[in-house]
Amino acid sequence: SDIKPLLSVAGSCAVMILTQSAATSRVYAARYHQRLDENQDLIG
């Protein structure tokens, strides 16, 4: 029964993680000309 009230919290966290992590990874991958697999980062 704890799952339902926490879905929105987890969803908000997931959106923030997606946004910040992707933006940050892209910056440093571009800076050092390195390959980046954003879908693999989602697994990580």
ModelCIF file with pLDDT and N, C-alpha, C, O atoms, coordinates in Angstrom:
data_MODEL
#
_entry.id   MODEL 
#
_entity.id                         1 
_entity.type                       polymer 
_entity.pdbx_number_of_molecules   1 
#
_entity_poly.entity_id                      1 
_entity_poly.type                           'polypeptide(L)' 
_entity_poly.nstd_linkage                   no 
_entity_poly.nstd_monomer                   no 
_entity_poly.pdbx_seq_one_letter_code       SDIKPLLSVAGSCAVMILTQSAATSRVYAARYHQRLDENQDLIG 
_entity_poly.pdbx_seq_one_letter_code_can   SDIKPLLSVAGSCAVMILTQSAATSRVYAARYHQRLDENQDLIG 
_entity_poly.pdbx_strand_id                 A 
#
loop_
_entity_poly_seq.entity_id 
_entity_poly_seq.num 
_entity_poly_seq.mon_id 
_entity_poly_seq.hetero 
1 1  SER n 
1 2  ASP n 
1 3  ILE n 
1 4  LYS n 
1 5  PRO n 
1 6  LEU n 
1 7  LEU n 
1 8  SER n 
1 9  VAL n 
1 10 ALA n 
1 11 GLY n 
1 12 SER n 
1 13 CYS n 
1 14 ALA n 
1 15 VAL n 
1 16 MET n 
1 17 ILE n 
1 18 LEU n 
1 19 THR n 
1 20 GLN n 
1 21 SER n 
1 22 ALA n 
1 23 ALA n 
1 24 THR n 
1 25 SER n 
1 26 ARG n 
1 27 VAL n 
1 28 TYR n 
1 29 ALA n 
1 30 ALA n 
1 31 ARG n 
1 32 TYR n 
1 33 HIS n 
1 34 GLN n 
1 35 ARG n 
1 36 LEU n 
1 37 ASP n 
1 38 GLU n 
1 39 ASN n 
1 40 GLN n 
1 41 ASP n 
1 42 LEU n 
1 43 ILE n 
1 44 GLY n 
#
_struct_asym.id          A 
_struct_asym.entity_id   1 
#
loop_
_ma_qa_metric.id 
_ma_qa_metric.mode 
_ma_qa_metric.name 
_ma_qa_metric.software_group_id 
_ma_qa_metric.type 
1 global pLDDT . pLDDT 
2 local  pLDDT . pLDDT 
#
_ma_qa_metric_global.metric_id      1 
_ma_qa_metric_global.metric_value   86.41 
_ma_qa_metric_global.model_id       1 
_ma_qa_metric_global.ordinal_id     1 
#
loop_
_ma_qa_metric_local.label_asym_id 
_ma_qa_metric_local.label_comp_id 
_ma_qa_metric_local.label_seq_id 
_ma_qa_metric_local.metric_id 
_ma_qa_metric_local.metric_value 
_ma_qa_metric_local.model_id 
_ma_qa_metric_local.ordinal_id 
A SER 1  2 95.00 1 1  
A ASP 2  2 96.00 1 2  
A ILE 3  2 96.00 1 3  
A LYS 4  2 95.00 1 4  
A PRO 5  2 94.00 1 5  
A LEU 6  2 96.00 1 6  
A LEU 7  2 95.00 1 7  
A SER 8  2 92.00 1 8  
A VAL 9  2 94.00 1 9  
A ALA 10 2 96.00 1 10 
A GLY 11 2 92.00 1 11 
A SER 12 2 91.00 1 12 
A CYS 13 2 93.00 1 13 
A ALA 14 2 92.00 1 14 
A VAL 15 2 87.00 1 15 
A MET 16 2 86.00 1 16 
A ILE 17 2 91.00 1 17 
A LEU 18 2 86.00 1 18 
A THR 19 2 79.00 1 19 
A GLN 20 2 81.00 1 20 
A SER 21 2 86.00 1 21 
A ALA 22 2 80.00 1 22 
A ALA 23 2 72.00 1 23 
A THR 24 2 79.00 1 24 
A SER 25 2 84.00 1 25 
A ARG 26 2 76.00 1 26 
A VAL 27 2 67.00 1 27 
A TYR 28 2 78.00 1 28 
A ALA 29 2 83.00 1 29 
A ALA 30 2 72.00 1 30 
A ARG 31 2 74.00 1 31 
A TYR 32 2 84.00 1 32 
A HIS 33 2 82.00 1 33 
A GLN 34 2 83.00 1 34 
A ARG 35 2 80.00 1 35 
A LEU 36 2 79.00 1 36 
A ASP 37 2 85.00 1 37 
A GLU 38 2 82.00 1 38 
A ASN 39 2 84.00 1 39 
A GLN 40 2 90.00 1 40 
A ASP 41 2 92.00 1 41 
A LEU 42 2 93.00 1 42 
A ILE 43 2 94.00 1 43 
A GLY 44 2 96.00 1 44 
#
loop_
_atom_site.group_PDB 
_atom_site.id 
_atom_site.type_symbol 
_atom_site.label_atom_id 
_atom_site.label_alt_id 
_atom_site.label_comp_id 
_atom_site.label_asym_id 
_atom_site.label_entity_id 
_atom_site.label_seq_id 
_atom_site.pdbx_PDB_ins_code 
_atom_site.Cartn_x 
_atom_site.Cartn_y 
_atom_site.Cartn_z 
_atom_site.occupancy 
_atom_site.B_iso_or_equiv 
_atom_site.pdbx_formal_charge 
_atom_site.auth_seq_id 
_atom_site.auth_comp_id 
_atom_site.auth_asym_id 
_atom_site.auth_atom_id 
_atom_site.pdbx_PDB_model_num 
ATOM 1   N N  . SER A 1 1  ? 0.814  -1.223 0.000   1.00 95.00 ? 1  SER A N  1 
ATOM 2   C CA . SER A 1 1  ? 0.000  0.000  0.000   1.00 95.00 ? 1  SER A CA 1 
ATOM 3   C C  . SER A 1 1  ? 0.842  1.265  0.000   1.00 95.00 ? 1  SER A C  1 
ATOM 4   O O  . SER A 1 1  ? 0.328  2.350  -0.271  1.00 95.00 ? 1  SER A O  1 
ATOM 5   N N  . ASP A 1 2  ? 2.139  1.139  0.303   1.00 96.00 ? 2  ASP A N  1 
ATOM 6   C CA . ASP A 1 2  ? 3.017  2.323  0.312   1.00 96.00 ? 2  ASP A CA 1 
ATOM 7   C C  . ASP A 1 2  ? 3.400  2.760  -1.101  1.00 96.00 ? 2  ASP A C  1 
ATOM 8   O O  . ASP A 1 2  ? 3.849  3.887  -1.308  1.00 96.00 ? 2  ASP A O  1 
ATOM 9   N N  . ILE A 1 3  ? 3.220  1.864  -2.068  1.00 96.00 ? 3  ILE A N  1 
ATOM 10  C CA . ILE A 1 3  ? 3.712  2.163  -3.412  1.00 96.00 ? 3  ILE A CA 1 
ATOM 11  C C  . ILE A 1 3  ? 2.948  3.312  -4.060  1.00 96.00 ? 3  ILE A C  1 
ATOM 12  O O  . ILE A 1 3  ? 3.551  4.242  -4.594  1.00 96.00 ? 3  ILE A O  1 
ATOM 13  N N  . LYS A 1 4  ? 1.614  3.244  -4.012  1.00 95.00 ? 4  LYS A N  1 
ATOM 14  C CA . LYS A 1 4  ? 0.792  4.217  -4.739  1.00 95.00 ? 4  LYS A CA 1 
ATOM 15  C C  . LYS A 1 4  ? 1.098  5.664  -4.372  1.00 95.00 ? 4  LYS A C  1 
ATOM 16  O O  . LYS A 1 4  ? 1.307  6.474  -5.274  1.00 95.00 ? 4  LYS A O  1 
ATOM 17  N N  . PRO A 1 5  ? 1.134  6.036  -3.061  1.00 94.00 ? 5  PRO A N  1 
ATOM 18  C CA . PRO A 1 5  ? 1.394  7.454  -2.751  1.00 94.00 ? 5  PRO A CA 1 
ATOM 19  C C  . PRO A 1 5  ? 2.800  7.924  -3.091  1.00 94.00 ? 5  PRO A C  1 
ATOM 20  O O  . PRO A 1 5  ? 3.061  9.126  -3.127  1.00 94.00 ? 5  PRO A O  1 
ATOM 21  N N  . LEU A 1 6  ? 3.714  6.976  -3.343  1.00 96.00 ? 6  LEU A N  1 
ATOM 22  C CA . LEU A 1 6  ? 5.103  7.363  -3.630  1.00 96.00 ? 6  LEU A CA 1 
ATOM 23  C C  . LEU A 1 6  ? 5.440  7.352  -5.120  1.00 96.00 ? 6  LEU A C  1 
ATOM 24  O O  . LEU A 1 6  ? 6.556  7.704  -5.502  1.00 96.00 ? 6  LEU A O  1 
ATOM 25  N N  . LEU A 1 7  ? 4.485  6.951  -5.967  1.00 95.00 ? 7  LEU A N  1 
ATOM 26  C CA . LEU A 1 7  ? 4.758  6.913  -7.402  1.00 95.00 ? 7  LEU A CA 1 
ATOM 27  C C  . LEU A 1 7  ? 5.080  8.300  -7.950  1.00 95.00 ? 7  LEU A C  1 
ATOM 28  O O  . LEU A 1 7  ? 5.991  8.453  -8.764  1.00 95.00 ? 7  LEU A O  1 
ATOM 29  N N  . SER A 1 8  ? 4.330  9.315  -7.502  1.00 92.00 ? 8  SER A N  1 
ATOM 30  C CA . SER A 1 8  ? 4.582  10.672 -8.008  1.00 92.00 ? 8  SER A CA 1 
ATOM 31  C C  . SER A 1 8  ? 5.941  11.188 -7.558  1.00 92.00 ? 8  SER A C  1 
ATOM 32  O O  . SER A 1 8  ? 6.620  11.891 -8.306  1.00 92.00 ? 8  SER A O  1 
ATOM 33  N N  . VAL A 1 9  ? 6.342  10.838 -6.324  1.00 94.00 ? 9  VAL A N  1 
ATOM 34  C CA . VAL A 1 9  ? 7.661  11.260 -5.824  1.00 94.00 ? 9  VAL A CA 1 
ATOM 35  C C  . VAL A 1 9  ? 8.761  10.614 -6.664  1.00 94.00 ? 9  VAL A C  1 
ATOM 36  O O  . VAL A 1 9  ? 9.700  11.278 -7.103  1.00 94.00 ? 9  VAL A O  1 
ATOM 37  N N  . ALA A 1 10 ? 8.621  9.294  -6.880  1.00 96.00 ? 10 ALA A N  1 
ATOM 38  C CA . ALA A 1 10 ? 9.628  8.588  -7.675  1.00 96.00 ? 10 ALA A CA 1 
ATOM 39  C C  . ALA A 1 10 ? 9.636  9.087  -9.114  1.00 96.00 ? 10 ALA A C  1 
ATOM 40  O O  . ALA A 1 10 ? 10.699 9.202  -9.723  1.00 96.00 ? 10 ALA A O  1 
ATOM 41  N N  . GLY A 1 11 ? 8.451  9.386  -9.666  1.00 92.00 ? 11 GLY A N  1 
ATOM 42  C CA . GLY A 1 11 ? 8.390  9.915  -11.026 1.00 92.00 ? 11 GLY A CA 1 
ATOM 43  C C  . GLY A 1 11 ? 9.087  11.256 -11.139 1.00 92.00 ? 11 GLY A C  1 
ATOM 44  O O  . GLY A 1 11 ? 9.799  11.508 -12.111 1.00 92.00 ? 11 GLY A O  1 
ATOM 45  N N  . SER A 1 12 ? 8.889  12.120 -10.152 1.00 91.00 ? 12 SER A N  1 
ATOM 46  C CA . SER A 1 12 ? 9.565  13.424 -10.148 1.00 91.00 ? 12 SER A CA 1 
ATOM 47  C C  . SER A 1 12 ? 11.072 13.251 -10.063 1.00 91.00 ? 12 SER A C  1 
ATOM 48  O O  . SER A 1 12 ? 11.826 13.932 -10.758 1.00 91.00 ? 12 SER A O  1 
ATOM 49  N N  . CYS A 1 13 ? 11.509 12.325 -9.197  1.00 93.00 ? 13 CYS A N  1 
ATOM 50  C CA . CYS A 1 13 ? 12.948 12.057 -9.091  1.00 93.00 ? 13 CYS A CA 1 
ATOM 51  C C  . CYS A 1 13 ? 13.506 11.537 -10.414 1.00 93.00 ? 13 CYS A C  1 
ATOM 52  O O  . CYS A 1 13 ? 14.587 11.944 -10.841 1.00 93.00 ? 13 CYS A O  1 
ATOM 53  N N  . ALA A 1 14 ? 12.757 10.629 -11.065 1.00 92.00 ? 14 ALA A N  1 
ATOM 54  C CA . ALA A 1 14 ? 13.235 10.056 -12.322 1.00 92.00 ? 14 ALA A CA 1 
ATOM 55  C C  . ALA A 1 14 ? 13.384 11.123 -13.391 1.00 92.00 ? 14 ALA A C  1 
ATOM 56  O O  . ALA A 1 14 ? 14.359 11.117 -14.143 1.00 92.00 ? 14 ALA A O  1 
ATOM 57  N N  . VAL A 1 15 ? 12.415 12.050 -13.467 1.00 87.00 ? 15 VAL A N  1 
ATOM 58  C CA . VAL A 1 15 ? 12.507 13.128 -14.462 1.00 87.00 ? 15 VAL A CA 1 
ATOM 59  C C  . VAL A 1 15 ? 13.721 14.009 -14.181 1.00 87.00 ? 15 VAL A C  1 
ATOM 60  O O  . VAL A 1 15 ? 14.458 14.362 -15.101 1.00 87.00 ? 15 VAL A O  1 
ATOM 61  N N  . MET A 1 16 ? 13.932 14.365 -12.915 1.00 86.00 ? 16 MET A N  1 
ATOM 62  C CA . MET A 1 16 ? 15.083 15.200 -12.572 1.00 86.00 ? 16 MET A CA 1 
ATOM 63  C C  . MET A 1 16 ? 16.394 14.478 -12.866 1.00 86.00 ? 16 MET A C  1 
ATOM 64  O O  . MET A 1 16 ? 17.345 15.087 -13.356 1.00 86.00 ? 16 MET A O  1 
ATOM 65  N N  . ILE A 1 17 ? 16.445 13.182 -12.569 1.00 91.00 ? 17 ILE A N  1 
ATOM 66  C CA . ILE A 1 17 ? 17.657 12.400 -12.840 1.00 91.00 ? 17 ILE A CA 1 
ATOM 67  C C  . ILE A 1 17 ? 17.922 12.330 -14.345 1.00 91.00 ? 17 ILE A C  1 
ATOM 68  O O  . ILE A 1 17 ? 19.052 12.524 -14.793 1.00 91.00 ? 17 ILE A O  1 
ATOM 69  N N  . LEU A 1 18 ? 16.872 12.051 -15.117 1.00 86.00 ? 18 LEU A N  1 
ATOM 70  C CA . LEU A 1 18 ? 17.020 12.024 -16.571 1.00 86.00 ? 18 LEU A CA 1 
ATOM 71  C C  . LEU A 1 18 ? 17.598 13.326 -17.092 1.00 86.00 ? 18 LEU A C  1 
ATOM 72  O O  . LEU A 1 18 ? 18.525 13.335 -17.902 1.00 86.00 ? 18 LEU A O  1 
ATOM 73  N N  . THR A 1 19 ? 17.030 14.432 -16.610 1.00 79.00 ? 19 THR A N  1 
ATOM 74  C CA . THR A 1 19 ? 17.406 15.747 -17.117 1.00 79.00 ? 19 THR A CA 1 
ATOM 75  C C  . THR A 1 19 ? 18.827 16.120 -16.734 1.00 79.00 ? 19 THR A C  1 
ATOM 76  O O  . THR A 1 19 ? 19.652 16.422 -17.596 1.00 79.00 ? 19 THR A O  1 
ATOM 77  N N  . GLN A 1 20 ? 19.113 16.099 -15.428 1.00 81.00 ? 20 GLN A N  1 
ATOM 78  C CA . GLN A 1 20 ? 20.429 16.537 -14.957 1.00 81.00 ? 20 GLN A CA 1 
ATOM 79  C C  . GLN A 1 20 ? 21.533 15.601 -15.440 1.00 81.00 ? 20 GLN A C  1 
ATOM 80  O O  . GLN A 1 20 ? 22.592 16.054 -15.876 1.00 81.00 ? 20 GLN A O  1 
ATOM 81  N N  . SER A 1 21 ? 21.283 14.301 -15.363 1.00 86.00 ? 21 SER A N  1 
ATOM 82  C CA . SER A 1 21 ? 22.330 13.345 -15.725 1.00 86.00 ? 21 SER A CA 1 
ATOM 83  C C  . SER A 1 21 ? 22.675 13.437 -17.205 1.00 86.00 ? 21 SER A C  1 
ATOM 84  O O  . SER A 1 21 ? 23.849 13.464 -17.574 1.00 86.00 ? 21 SER A O  1 
ATOM 85  N N  . ALA A 1 22 ? 21.641 13.485 -18.058 1.00 80.00 ? 22 ALA A N  1 
ATOM 86  C CA . ALA A 1 22 ? 21.893 13.555 -19.501 1.00 80.00 ? 22 ALA A CA 1 
ATOM 87  C C  . ALA A 1 22 ? 22.623 14.841 -19.863 1.00 80.00 ? 22 ALA A C  1 
ATOM 88  O O  . ALA A 1 22 ? 23.579 14.825 -20.639 1.00 80.00 ? 22 ALA A O  1 
ATOM 89  N N  . ALA A 1 23 ? 22.162 15.964 -19.292 1.00 72.00 ? 23 ALA A N  1 
ATOM 90  C CA . ALA A 1 23 ? 22.791 17.248 -19.603 1.00 72.00 ? 23 ALA A CA 1 
ATOM 91  C C  . ALA A 1 23 ? 24.251 17.266 -19.156 1.00 72.00 ? 23 ALA A C  1 
ATOM 92  O O  . ALA A 1 23 ? 25.125 17.743 -19.881 1.00 72.00 ? 23 ALA A O  1 
ATOM 93  N N  . THR A 1 24 ? 24.508 16.741 -17.952 1.00 79.00 ? 24 THR A N  1 
ATOM 94  C CA . THR A 1 24 ? 25.876 16.738 -17.420 1.00 79.00 ? 24 THR A CA 1 
ATOM 95  C C  . THR A 1 24 ? 26.784 15.814 -18.234 1.00 79.00 ? 24 THR A C  1 
ATOM 96  O O  . THR A 1 24 ? 27.905 16.187 -18.581 1.00 79.00 ? 24 THR A O  1 
ATOM 97  N N  . SER A 1 25 ? 26.297 14.613 -18.536 1.00 84.00 ? 25 SER A N  1 
ATOM 98  C CA . SER A 1 25 ? 27.102 13.662 -19.307 1.00 84.00 ? 25 SER A CA 1 
ATOM 99  C C  . SER A 1 25 ? 27.466 14.221 -20.676 1.00 84.00 ? 25 SER A C  1 
ATOM 100 O O  . SER A 1 25 ? 28.595 14.073 -21.143 1.00 84.00 ? 25 SER A O  1 
ATOM 101 N N  . ARG A 1 26 ? 26.478 14.872 -21.318 1.00 76.00 ? 26 ARG A N  1 
ATOM 102 C CA . ARG A 1 26 ? 26.721 15.420 -22.656 1.00 76.00 ? 26 ARG A CA 1 
ATOM 103 C C  . ARG A 1 26 ? 27.821 16.476 -22.629 1.00 76.00 ? 26 ARG A C  1 
ATOM 104 O O  . ARG A 1 26 ? 28.671 16.521 -23.519 1.00 76.00 ? 26 ARG A O  1 
ATOM 105 N N  . VAL A 1 27 ? 27.799 17.323 -21.606 1.00 67.00 ? 27 VAL A N  1 
ATOM 106 C CA . VAL A 1 27 ? 28.785 18.405 -21.512 1.00 67.00 ? 27 VAL A CA 1 
ATOM 107 C C  . VAL A 1 27 ? 30.199 17.842 -21.497 1.00 67.00 ? 27 VAL A C  1 
ATOM 108 O O  . VAL A 1 27 ? 31.060 18.302 -22.248 1.00 67.00 ? 27 VAL A O  1 
ATOM 109 N N  . TYR A 1 28 ? 30.445 16.841 -20.638 1.00 78.00 ? 28 TYR A N  1 
ATOM 110 C CA . TYR A 1 28 ? 31.805 16.333 -20.488 1.00 78.00 ? 28 TYR A CA 1 
ATOM 111 C C  . TYR A 1 28 ? 32.209 15.402 -21.629 1.00 78.00 ? 28 TYR A C  1 
ATOM 112 O O  . TYR A 1 28 ? 33.381 15.349 -22.003 1.00 78.00 ? 28 TYR A O  1 
ATOM 113 N N  . ALA A 1 29 ? 31.245 14.673 -22.180 1.00 83.00 ? 29 ALA A N  1 
ATOM 114 C CA . ALA A 1 29 ? 31.573 13.850 -23.349 1.00 83.00 ? 29 ALA A CA 1 
ATOM 115 C C  . ALA A 1 29 ? 31.981 14.726 -24.524 1.00 83.00 ? 29 ALA A C  1 
ATOM 116 O O  . ALA A 1 29 ? 32.917 14.404 -25.256 1.00 83.00 ? 29 ALA A O  1 
ATOM 117 N N  . ALA A 1 30 ? 31.266 15.845 -24.701 1.00 72.00 ? 30 ALA A N  1 
ATOM 118 C CA . ALA A 1 30 ? 31.609 16.762 -25.789 1.00 72.00 ? 30 ALA A CA 1 
ATOM 119 C C  . ALA A 1 30 ? 32.951 17.441 -25.526 1.00 72.00 ? 30 ALA A C  1 
ATOM 120 O O  . ALA A 1 30 ? 33.754 17.624 -26.441 1.00 72.00 ? 30 ALA A O  1 
ATOM 121 N N  . ARG A 1 31 ? 33.182 17.811 -24.275 1.00 74.00 ? 31 ARG A N  1 
ATOM 122 C CA . ARG A 1 31 ? 34.425 18.523 -23.934 1.00 74.00 ? 31 ARG A CA 1 
ATOM 123 C C  . ARG A 1 31 ? 35.650 17.666 -24.217 1.00 74.00 ? 31 ARG A C  1 
ATOM 124 O O  . ARG A 1 31 ? 36.673 18.183 -24.665 1.00 74.00 ? 31 ARG A O  1 
ATOM 125 N N  . TYR A 1 32 ? 35.563 16.356 -23.961 1.00 84.00 ? 32 TYR A N  1 
ATOM 126 C CA . TYR A 1 32 ? 36.730 15.487 -24.127 1.00 84.00 ? 32 TYR A CA 1 
ATOM 127 C C  . TYR A 1 32 ? 36.591 14.560 -25.341 1.00 84.00 ? 32 TYR A C  1 
ATOM 128 O O  . TYR A 1 32 ? 37.344 13.597 -25.483 1.00 84.00 ? 32 TYR A O  1 
ATOM 129 N N  . HIS A 1 33 ? 35.625 14.860 -26.210 1.00 82.00 ? 33 HIS A N  1 
ATOM 130 C CA . HIS A 1 33 ? 35.435 14.118 -27.467 1.00 82.00 ? 33 HIS A CA 1 
ATOM 131 C C  . HIS A 1 33 ? 35.339 12.616 -27.205 1.00 82.00 ? 33 HIS A C  1 
ATOM 132 O O  . HIS A 1 33 ? 36.015 11.810 -27.845 1.00 82.00 ? 33 HIS A O  1 
ATOM 133 N N  . GLN A 1 34 ? 34.482 12.264 -26.248 1.00 83.00 ? 34 GLN A N  1 
ATOM 134 C CA . GLN A 1 34 ? 34.326 10.869 -25.883 1.00 83.00 ? 34 GLN A CA 1 
ATOM 135 C C  . GLN A 1 34 ? 32.936 10.367 -26.273 1.00 83.00 ? 34 GLN A C  1 
ATOM 136 O O  . GLN A 1 34 ? 31.977 11.136 -26.342 1.00 83.00 ? 34 GLN A O  1 
ATOM 137 N N  . ARG A 1 35 ? 32.854 9.094  -26.518 1.00 80.00 ? 35 ARG A N  1 
ATOM 138 C CA . ARG A 1 35 ? 31.586 8.464  -26.891 1.00 80.00 ? 35 ARG A CA 1 
ATOM 139 C C  . ARG A 1 35 ? 30.676 8.389  -25.668 1.00 80.00 ? 35 ARG A C  1 
ATOM 140 O O  . ARG A 1 35 ? 31.135 8.122  -24.557 1.00 80.00 ? 35 ARG A O  1 
ATOM 141 N N  . LEU A 1 36 ? 29.383 8.625  -25.883 1.00 79.00 ? 36 LEU A N  1 
ATOM 142 C CA . LEU A 1 36 ? 28.416 8.561  -24.795 1.00 79.00 ? 36 LEU A CA 1 
ATOM 143 C C  . LEU A 1 36 ? 27.202 7.769  -25.257 1.00 79.00 ? 36 LEU A C  1 
ATOM 144 O O  . LEU A 1 36 ? 26.644 8.037  -26.321 1.00 79.00 ? 36 LEU A O  1 
ATOM 145 N N  . ASP A 1 37 ? 26.797 6.790  -24.448 1.00 85.00 ? 37 ASP A N  1 
ATOM 146 C CA . ASP A 1 37 ? 25.610 5.989  -24.724 1.00 85.00 ? 37 ASP A CA 1 
ATOM 147 C C  . ASP A 1 37 ? 24.576 6.324  -23.654 1.00 85.00 ? 37 ASP A C  1 
ATOM 148 O O  . ASP A 1 37 ? 24.616 5.774  -22.553 1.00 85.00 ? 37 ASP A O  1 
ATOM 149 N N  . GLU A 1 38 ? 23.651 7.228  -23.979 1.00 82.00 ? 38 GLU A N  1 
ATOM 150 C CA . GLU A 1 38 ? 22.690 7.698  -22.981 1.00 82.00 ? 38 GLU A CA 1 
ATOM 151 C C  . GLU A 1 38 ? 21.754 6.591  -22.520 1.00 82.00 ? 38 GLU A C  1 
ATOM 152 O O  . GLU A 1 38 ? 21.338 6.587  -21.362 1.00 82.00 ? 38 GLU A O  1 
ATOM 153 N N  . ASN A 1 39 ? 21.416 5.659  -23.390 1.00 84.00 ? 39 ASN A N  1 
ATOM 154 C CA . ASN A 1 39 ? 20.567 4.545  -22.982 1.00 84.00 ? 39 ASN A CA 1 
ATOM 155 C C  . ASN A 1 39 ? 21.296 3.621  -22.009 1.00 84.00 ? 39 ASN A C  1 
ATOM 156 O O  . ASN A 1 39 ? 20.686 3.093  -21.080 1.00 84.00 ? 39 ASN A O  1 
ATOM 157 N N  . GLN A 1 40 ? 22.602 3.425  -22.220 1.00 90.00 ? 40 GLN A N  1 
ATOM 158 C CA . GLN A 1 40 ? 23.393 2.644  -21.273 1.00 90.00 ? 40 GLN A CA 1 
ATOM 159 C C  . GLN A 1 40 ? 23.483 3.378  -19.940 1.00 90.00 ? 40 GLN A C  1 
ATOM 160 O O  . GLN A 1 40 ? 23.469 2.744  -18.885 1.00 90.00 ? 40 GLN A O  1 
ATOM 161 N N  . ASP A 1 41 ? 23.574 4.700  -19.975 1.00 92.00 ? 41 ASP A N  1 
ATOM 162 C CA . ASP A 1 41 ? 23.601 5.476  -18.733 1.00 92.00 ? 41 ASP A CA 1 
ATOM 163 C C  . ASP A 1 41 ? 22.312 5.301  -17.944 1.00 92.00 ? 41 ASP A C  1 
ATOM 164 O O  . ASP A 1 41 ? 22.341 5.317  -16.713 1.00 92.00 ? 41 ASP A O  1 
ATOM 165 N N  . LEU A 1 42 ? 21.169 5.131  -18.633 1.00 93.00 ? 42 LEU A N  1 
ATOM 166 C CA . LEU A 1 42 ? 19.911 4.889  -17.929 1.00 93.00 ? 42 LEU A CA 1 
ATOM 167 C C  . LEU A 1 42 ? 19.966 3.579  -17.149 1.00 93.00 ? 42 LEU A C  1 
ATOM 168 O O  . LEU A 1 42 ? 19.419 3.488  -16.050 1.00 93.00 ? 42 LEU A O  1 
ATOM 169 N N  . ILE A 1 43 ? 20.622 2.564  -17.711 1.00 94.00 ? 43 ILE A N  1 
ATOM 170 C CA . ILE A 1 43 ? 20.806 1.309  -16.975 1.00 94.00 ? 43 ILE A CA 1 
ATOM 171 C C  . ILE A 1 43 ? 21.682 1.555  -15.746 1.00 94.00 ? 43 ILE A C  1 
ATOM 172 O O  . ILE A 1 43 ? 21.397 1.054  -14.658 1.00 94.00 ? 43 ILE A O  1 
ATOM 173 N N  . GLY A 1 44 ? 22.761 2.340  -15.936 1.00 96.00 ? 44 GLY A N  1 
ATOM 174 C CA . GLY A 1 44 ? 23.642 2.654  -14.814 1.00 96.00 ? 44 GLY A CA 1 
ATOM 175 C C  . GLY A 1 44 ? 22.925 3.428  -13.722 1.00 96.00 ? 44 GLY A C  1 
ATOM 176 O O  . GLY A 1 44 ? 23.532 3.768  -12.706 1.00 96.00 ? 44 GLY A O  1 
#
